[in-house]
Amino acid sequence: MSGFGATVAIGVTIFVVFIATIIICFTCSCCCLYKMCCPQRPVVTNTTTTTVVHAPYPQPQPQPVAPSYP
């Protein structure tokens, strides 16, 4: 009967270690199960966009030309 008791003890120990690992993994933010089950928080970025409008350079006015006489 001592073999049966050792088998049960090993089984219970493995079960407790498995459950503890799952609980720790659900509470650790670097674990895959945590990332998969917990909703992701939205990333808030405070950036502003500046639009620069370039005005064309003013064109010089053409000089008035005196009418030419034949």
PDB file of N, CA and C in Angstrom:
ATOM      1  N   MET A   1       0.796  -1.194   0.000  1.00  0.00           N
ATOM      2  CA  MET A   1       0.000   0.000   0.000  1.00  0.00           C
ATOM      3  C   MET A   1       0.846   1.268   0.000  1.00  0.00           C
ATOM      4  N   SER A   2       2.120   1.149   0.378  1.00  0.00           N
ATOM      5  CA  SER A   2       2.948   2.340   0.444  1.00  0.00           C
ATOM      6  C   SER A   2       3.215   2.898  -0.954  1.00  0.00           C
ATOM      7  N   GLY A   3       3.215   2.043  -1.974  1.00  0.00           N
ATOM      8  CA  GLY A   3       3.396   2.499  -3.342  1.00  0.00           C
ATOM      9  C   GLY A   3       2.219   3.339  -3.809  1.00  0.00           C
ATOM     10  N   PHE A   4       1.024   2.960  -3.374  1.00  0.00           N
ATOM     11  CA  PHE A   4      -0.175   3.718  -3.741  1.00  0.00           C
ATOM     12  C   PHE A   4      -0.169   5.102  -3.096  1.00  0.00           C
ATOM     13  N   GLY A   5       0.278   5.202  -1.865  1.00  0.00           N
ATOM     14  CA  GLY A   5       0.348   6.483  -1.158  1.00  0.00           C
ATOM     15  C   GLY A   5       1.354   7.421  -1.813  1.00  0.00           C
ATOM     16  N   ALA A   6       2.478   6.877  -2.247  1.00  0.00           N
ATOM     17  CA  ALA A   6       3.487   7.703  -2.906  1.00  0.00           C
ATOM     18  C   ALA A   6       2.968   8.193  -4.255  1.00  0.00           C
ATOM     19  N   THR A   7       2.237   7.348  -4.967  1.00  0.00           N
ATOM     20  CA  THR A   7       1.674   7.739  -6.255  1.00  0.00           C
ATOM     21  C   THR A   7       0.652   8.846  -6.076  1.00  0.00           C
ATOM     22  N   VAL A   8      -0.184   8.738  -5.065  1.00  0.00           N
ATOM     23  CA  VAL A   8      -1.183   9.768  -4.797  1.00  0.00           C
ATOM     24  C   VAL A   8      -0.491  11.074  -4.399  1.00  0.00           C
ATOM     25  N   ALA A   9       0.540  10.982  -3.585  1.00  0.00           N
ATOM     26  CA  ALA A   9       1.260  12.178  -3.149  1.00  0.00           C
ATOM     27  C   ALA A   9       1.911  12.884  -4.349  1.00  0.00           C
ATOM     28  N   ILE A  10       2.517  12.117  -5.231  1.00  0.00           N
ATOM     29  CA  ILE A  10       3.135  12.699  -6.426  1.00  0.00           C
ATOM     30  C   ILE A  10       2.064  13.322  -7.319  1.00  0.00           C
ATOM     31  N   GLY A  11       0.944  12.658  -7.488  1.00  0.00           N
ATOM     32  CA  GLY A  11      -0.144  13.188  -8.308  1.00  0.00           C
ATOM     33  C   GLY A  11      -0.707  14.480  -7.752  1.00  0.00           C
ATOM     34  N   VAL A  12      -0.914  14.522  -6.424  1.00  0.00           N
ATOM     35  CA  VAL A  12      -1.438  15.728  -5.790  1.00  0.00           C
ATOM     36  C   VAL A  12      -0.422  16.867  -5.899  1.00  0.00           C
ATOM     37  N   THR A  13       0.855  16.561  -5.733  1.00  0.00           N
ATOM     38  CA  THR A  13       1.897  17.588  -5.839  1.00  0.00           C
ATOM     39  C   THR A  13       1.947  18.162  -7.254  1.00  0.00           C
ATOM     40  N   ILE A  14       1.878  17.303  -8.253  1.00  0.00           N
ATOM     41  CA  ILE A  14       1.894  17.769  -9.646  1.00  0.00           C
ATOM     42  C   ILE A  14       0.657  18.620  -9.923  1.00  0.00           C
ATOM     43  N   PHE A  15      -0.500  18.219  -9.415  1.00  0.00           N
ATOM     44  CA  PHE A  15      -1.725  18.986  -9.612  1.00  0.00           C
ATOM     45  C   PHE A  15      -1.631  20.363  -8.955  1.00  0.00           C
ATOM     46  N   VAL A  16      -1.112  20.433  -7.739  1.00  0.00           N
ATOM     47  CA  VAL A  16      -0.986  21.708  -7.022  1.00  0.00           C
ATOM     48  C   VAL A  16       0.012  22.620  -7.748  1.00  0.00           C
ATOM     49  N   VAL A  17       1.128  22.059  -8.217  1.00  0.00           N
ATOM     50  CA  VAL A  17       2.112  22.855  -8.951  1.00  0.00           C
ATOM     51  C   VAL A  17       1.499  23.374 -10.257  1.00  0.00           C
ATOM     52  N   PHE A  18       0.719  22.555 -10.933  1.00  0.00           N
ATOM     53  CA  PHE A  18       0.071  22.970 -12.176  1.00  0.00           C
ATOM     54  C   PHE A  18      -0.906  24.117 -11.927  1.00  0.00           C
ATOM     55  N   ILE A  19      -1.740  23.995 -10.898  1.00  0.00           N
ATOM     56  CA  ILE A  19      -2.717  25.039 -10.581  1.00  0.00           C
ATOM     57  C   ILE A  19      -1.998  26.333 -10.167  1.00  0.00           C
ATOM     58  N   ALA A  20      -0.935  26.213  -9.359  1.00  0.00           N
ATOM     59  CA  ALA A  20      -0.186  27.399  -8.939  1.00  0.00           C
ATOM     60  C   ALA A  20       0.463  28.079 -10.146  1.00  0.00           C
ATOM     61  N   THR A  21       0.967  27.300 -11.086  1.00  0.00           N
ATOM     62  CA  THR A  21       1.569  27.873 -12.292  1.00  0.00           C
ATOM     63  C   THR A  21       0.537  28.629 -13.111  1.00  0.00           C
ATOM     64  N   ILE A  22      -0.648  28.066 -13.261  1.00  0.00           N
ATOM     65  CA  ILE A  22      -1.712  28.734 -14.016  1.00  0.00           C
ATOM     66  C   ILE A  22      -2.107  30.038 -13.332  1.00  0.00           C
ATOM     67  N   ILE A  23      -2.266  30.021 -12.015  1.00  0.00           N
ATOM     68  CA  ILE A  23      -2.652  31.235 -11.280  1.00  0.00           C
ATOM     69  C   ILE A  23      -1.574  32.301 -11.403  1.00  0.00           C
ATOM     70  N   ILE A  24      -0.319  31.913 -11.253  1.00  0.00           N
ATOM     71  CA  ILE A  24       0.775  32.879 -11.379  1.00  0.00           C
ATOM     72  C   ILE A  24       0.834  33.431 -12.799  1.00  0.00           C
ATOM     73  N   CYS A  25       0.607  32.584 -13.773  1.00  0.00           N
ATOM     74  CA  CYS A  25       0.683  33.023 -15.164  1.00  0.00           C
ATOM     75  C   CYS A  25      -0.448  33.981 -15.512  1.00  0.00           C
ATOM     76  N   PHE A  26      -1.626  33.804 -14.920  1.00  0.00           N
ATOM     77  CA  PHE A  26      -2.730  34.731 -15.183  1.00  0.00           C
ATOM     78  C   PHE A  26      -2.524  36.083 -14.514  1.00  0.00           C
ATOM     79  N   THR A  27      -1.681  36.142 -13.483  1.00  0.00           N
ATOM     80  CA  THR A  27      -1.458  37.406 -12.797  1.00  0.00           C
ATOM     81  C   THR A  27      -0.172  38.098 -13.226  1.00  0.00           C
ATOM     82  N   CYS A  28       0.668  37.447 -13.983  1.00  0.00           N
ATOM     83  CA  CYS A  28       1.931  38.039 -14.423  1.00  0.00           C
ATOM     84  C   CYS A  28       1.723  38.688 -15.791  1.00  0.00           C
ATOM     85  N   SER A  29       2.039  39.977 -15.919  1.00  0.00           N
ATOM     86  CA  SER A  29       1.748  40.700 -17.155  1.00  0.00           C
ATOM     87  C   SER A  29       2.630  40.277 -18.326  1.00  0.00           C
ATOM     88  N   CYS A  30       3.703  39.545 -18.080  1.00  0.00           N
ATOM     89  CA  CYS A  30       4.570  39.132 -19.178  1.00  0.00           C
ATOM     90  C   CYS A  30       4.201  37.745 -19.719  1.00  0.00           C
ATOM     91  N   CYS A  31       3.196  37.101 -19.149  1.00  0.00           N
ATOM     92  CA  CYS A  31       2.834  35.740 -19.543  1.00  0.00           C
ATOM     93  C   CYS A  31       1.871  35.748 -20.727  1.00  0.00           C
ATOM     94  N   CYS A  32       1.963  34.716 -21.545  1.00  0.00           N
ATOM     95  CA  CYS A  32       1.097  34.607 -22.729  1.00  0.00           C
ATOM     96  C   CYS A  32      -0.376  34.484 -22.351  1.00  0.00           C
ATOM     97  N   LEU A  33      -0.695  33.740 -21.297  1.00  0.00           N
ATOM     98  CA  LEU A  33      -2.087  33.581 -20.886  1.00  0.00           C
ATOM     99  C   LEU A  33      -2.663  34.907 -20.413  1.00  0.00           C
ATOM    100  N   TYR A  34      -1.847  35.713 -19.725  1.00  0.00           N
ATOM    101  CA  TYR A  34      -2.311  37.026 -19.259  1.00  0.00           C
ATOM    102  C   TYR A  34      -2.626  37.913 -20.452  1.00  0.00           C
ATOM    103  N   LYS A  35      -1.747  37.940 -21.439  1.00  0.00           N
ATOM    104  CA  LYS A  35      -1.953  38.783 -22.611  1.00  0.00           C
ATOM    105  C   LYS A  35      -3.149  38.310 -23.431  1.00  0.00           C
ATOM    106  N   MET A  36      -3.388  37.001 -23.439  1.00  0.00           N
ATOM    107  CA  MET A  36      -4.468  36.449 -24.234  1.00  0.00           C
ATOM    108  C   MET A  36      -5.833  36.678 -23.568  1.00  0.00           C
ATOM    109  N   CYS A  37      -5.896  36.620 -22.253  1.00  0.00           N
ATOM    110  CA  CYS A  37      -7.177  36.677 -21.563  1.00  0.00           C
ATOM    111  C   CYS A  37      -7.562  38.070 -21.083  1.00  0.00           C
ATOM    112  N   CYS A  38      -6.609  38.903 -20.754  1.00  0.00           N
ATOM    113  CA  CYS A  38      -6.938  40.235 -20.247  1.00  0.00           C
ATOM    114  C   CYS A  38      -7.071  41.197 -21.421  1.00  0.00           C
ATOM    115  N   PRO A  39      -8.068  42.071 -21.371  1.00  0.00           N
ATOM    116  CA  PRO A  39      -8.238  43.027 -22.469  1.00  0.00           C
ATOM    117  C   PRO A  39      -7.079  44.015 -22.496  1.00  0.00           C
ATOM    118  N   GLN A  40      -6.676  44.359 -23.688  1.00  0.00           N
ATOM    119  CA  GLN A  40      -5.592  45.311 -23.849  1.00  0.00           C
ATOM    120  C   GLN A  40      -6.100  46.718 -23.553  1.00  0.00           C
ATOM    121  N   ARG A  41      -5.303  47.488 -22.877  1.00  0.00           N
ATOM    122  CA  ARG A  41      -5.662  48.878 -22.600  1.00  0.00           C
ATOM    123  C   ARG A  41      -5.335  49.709 -23.830  1.00  0.00           C
ATOM    124  N   PRO A  42      -6.216  50.628 -24.169  1.00  0.00           N
ATOM    125  CA  PRO A  42      -5.918  51.458 -25.346  1.00  0.00           C
ATOM    126  C   PRO A  42      -4.732  52.374 -25.074  1.00  0.00           C
ATOM    127  N   VAL A  43      -3.924  52.553 -26.086  1.00  0.00           N
ATOM    128  CA  VAL A  43      -2.762  53.419 -25.971  1.00  0.00           C
ATOM    129  C   VAL A  43      -3.196  54.828 -26.347  1.00  0.00           C
ATOM    130  N   VAL A  44      -3.010  55.753 -25.429  1.00  0.00           N
ATOM    131  CA  VAL A  44      -3.409  57.134 -25.665  1.00  0.00           C
ATOM    132  C   VAL A  44      -2.158  57.911 -26.040  1.00  0.00           C
ATOM    133  N   THR A  45      -2.196  58.485 -27.215  1.00  0.00           N
ATOM    134  CA  THR A  45      -1.067  59.291 -27.643  1.00  0.00           C
ATOM    135  C   THR A  45      -1.533  60.726 -27.794  1.00  0.00           C
ATOM    136  N   ASN A  46      -0.755  61.613 -27.282  1.00  0.00           N
ATOM    137  CA  ASN A  46      -1.086  63.032 -27.358  1.00  0.00           C
ATOM    138  C   ASN A  46      -0.166  63.680 -28.392  1.00  0.00           C
ATOM    139  N   THR A  47      -0.454  63.444 -29.628  1.00  0.00           N
ATOM    140  CA  THR A  47       0.349  64.044 -30.679  1.00  0.00           C
ATOM    141  C   THR A  47      -0.517  65.018 -31.457  1.00  0.00           C
ATOM    142  N   THR A  48       0.103  66.044 -31.927  1.00  0.00           N
ATOM    143  CA  THR A  48      -0.607  67.017 -32.736  1.00  0.00           C
ATOM    144  C   THR A  48       0.027  67.055 -34.107  1.00  0.00           C
ATOM    145  N   THR A  49      -0.766  67.368 -35.078  1.00  0.00           N
ATOM    146  CA  THR A  49      -0.292  67.446 -36.446  1.00  0.00           C
ATOM    147  C   THR A  49      -0.333  68.897 -36.888  1.00  0.00           C
ATOM    148  N   THR A  50       0.772  69.345 -37.435  1.00  0.00           N
ATOM    149  CA  THR A  50       0.854  70.710 -37.923  1.00  0.00           C
ATOM    150  C   THR A  50       0.950  70.670 -39.435  1.00  0.00           C
ATOM    151  N   THR A  51       0.081  71.412 -40.079  1.00  0.00           N
ATOM    152  CA  THR A  51       0.092  71.485 -41.540  1.00  0.00           C
ATOM    153  C   THR A  51       0.636  72.847 -41.939  1.00  0.00           C
ATOM    154  N   VAL A  52       1.684  72.818 -42.738  1.00  0.00           N
ATOM    155  CA  VAL A  52       2.300  74.055 -43.200  1.00  0.00           C
ATOM    156  C   VAL A  52       1.866  74.282 -44.633  1.00  0.00           C
ATOM    157  N   VAL A  53       1.298  75.453 -44.863  1.00  0.00           N
ATOM    158  CA  VAL A  53       0.855  75.804 -46.211  1.00  0.00           C
ATOM    159  C   VAL A  53       1.825  76.839 -46.743  1.00  0.00           C
ATOM    160  N   HIS A  54       2.460  76.513 -47.853  1.00  0.00           N
ATOM    161  CA  HIS A  54       3.412  77.438 -48.463  1.00  0.00           C
ATOM    162  C   HIS A  54       2.678  78.312 -49.472  1.00  0.00           C
ATOM    163  N   ALA A  55       2.796  79.618 -49.280  1.00  0.00           N
ATOM    164  CA  ALA A  55       2.207  80.552 -50.242  1.00  0.00           C
ATOM    165  C   ALA A  55       3.231  80.781 -51.350  1.00  0.00           C
ATOM    166  N   PRO A  56       2.784  80.902 -52.579  1.00  0.00           N
ATOM    167  CA  PRO A  56       3.751  81.133 -53.661  1.00  0.00           C
ATOM    168  C   PRO A  56       4.391  82.509 -53.494  1.00  0.00           C
ATOM    169  N   TYR A  57       5.643  82.585 -53.949  1.00  0.00           N
ATOM    170  CA  TYR A  57       6.338  83.869 -53.895  1.00  0.00           C
ATOM    171  C   TYR A  57       5.607  84.867 -54.781  1.00  0.00           C
ATOM    172  N   PRO A  58       5.540  86.125 -54.346  1.00  0.00           N
ATOM    173  CA  PRO A  58       4.863  87.113 -55.197  1.00  0.00           C
ATOM    174  C   PRO A  58       5.681  87.331 -56.470  1.00  0.00           C
ATOM    175  N   GLN A  59       4.992  87.342 -57.565  1.00  0.00           N
ATOM    176  CA  GLN A  59       5.656  87.546 -58.856  1.00  0.00           C
ATOM    177  C   GLN A  59       5.821  89.044 -59.084  1.00  0.00           C
ATOM    178  N   PRO A  60       6.980  89.433 -59.594  1.00  0.00           N
ATOM    179  CA  PRO A  60       7.152  90.868 -59.856  1.00  0.00           C
ATOM    180  C   PRO A  60       6.211  91.316 -60.977  1.00  0.00           C
ATOM    181  N   GLN A  61       5.722  92.533 -60.813  1.00  0.00           N
ATOM    182  CA  GLN A  61       4.814  93.074 -61.826  1.00  0.00           C
ATOM    183  C   GLN A  61       5.629  93.445 -63.072  1.00  0.00           C
ATOM    184  N   PRO A  62       5.113  93.133 -64.251  1.00  0.00           N
ATOM    185  CA  PRO A  62       5.863  93.509 -65.454  1.00  0.00           C
ATOM    186  C   PRO A  62       5.890  95.029 -65.595  1.00  0.00           C
ATOM    187  N   GLN A  63       7.060  95.529 -66.059  1.00  0.00           N
ATOM    188  CA  GLN A  63       7.231  96.959 -66.252  1.00  0.00           C
ATOM    189  C   GLN A  63       6.425  97.398 -67.472  1.00  0.00           C
ATOM    190  N   PRO A  64       5.735  98.482 -67.343  1.00  0.00           N
ATOM    191  CA  PRO A  64       4.976  98.944 -68.508  1.00  0.00           C
ATOM    192  C   PRO A  64       5.960  99.337 -69.636  1.00  0.00           C
ATOM    193  N   VAL A  65       5.624  98.881 -70.795  1.00  0.00           N
ATOM    194  CA  VAL A  65       6.454  99.159 -71.960  1.00  0.00           C
ATOM    195  C   VAL A  65       5.809 100.282 -72.766  1.00  0.00           C
ATOM    196  N   ALA A  66       6.622 101.238 -73.131  1.00  0.00           N
ATOM    197  CA  ALA A  66       6.101 102.346 -73.930  1.00  0.00           C
ATOM    198  C   ALA A  66       5.737 101.811 -75.299  1.00  0.00           C
ATOM    199  N   PRO A  67       4.628 102.255 -75.841  1.00  0.00           N
ATOM    200  CA  PRO A  67       4.274 101.766 -77.177  1.00  0.00           C
ATOM    201  C   PRO A  67       5.314 102.215 -78.180  1.00  0.00           C
ATOM    202  N   SER A  68       5.627 101.349 -79.063  1.00  0.00           N
ATOM    203  CA  SER A  68       6.629 101.689 -80.090  1.00  0.00           C
ATOM    204  C   SER A  68       5.911 102.318 -81.288  1.00  0.00           C
ATOM    205  N   TYR A  69       6.544 103.319 -81.834  1.00  0.00           N
ATOM    206  CA  TYR A  69       5.953 103.991 -82.984  1.00  0.00           C
ATOM    207  C   TYR A  69       6.629 103.475 -84.226  1.00  0.00           C
ATOM    208  N   PRO A  70       5.855 103.316 -85.259  1.00  0.00           N
ATOM    209  CA  PRO A  70       6.477 102.843 -86.507  1.00  0.00           C
ATOM    210  C   PRO A  70       7.401 103.873 -87.123  1.00  0.00           C
TER     211      PRO A  70
END
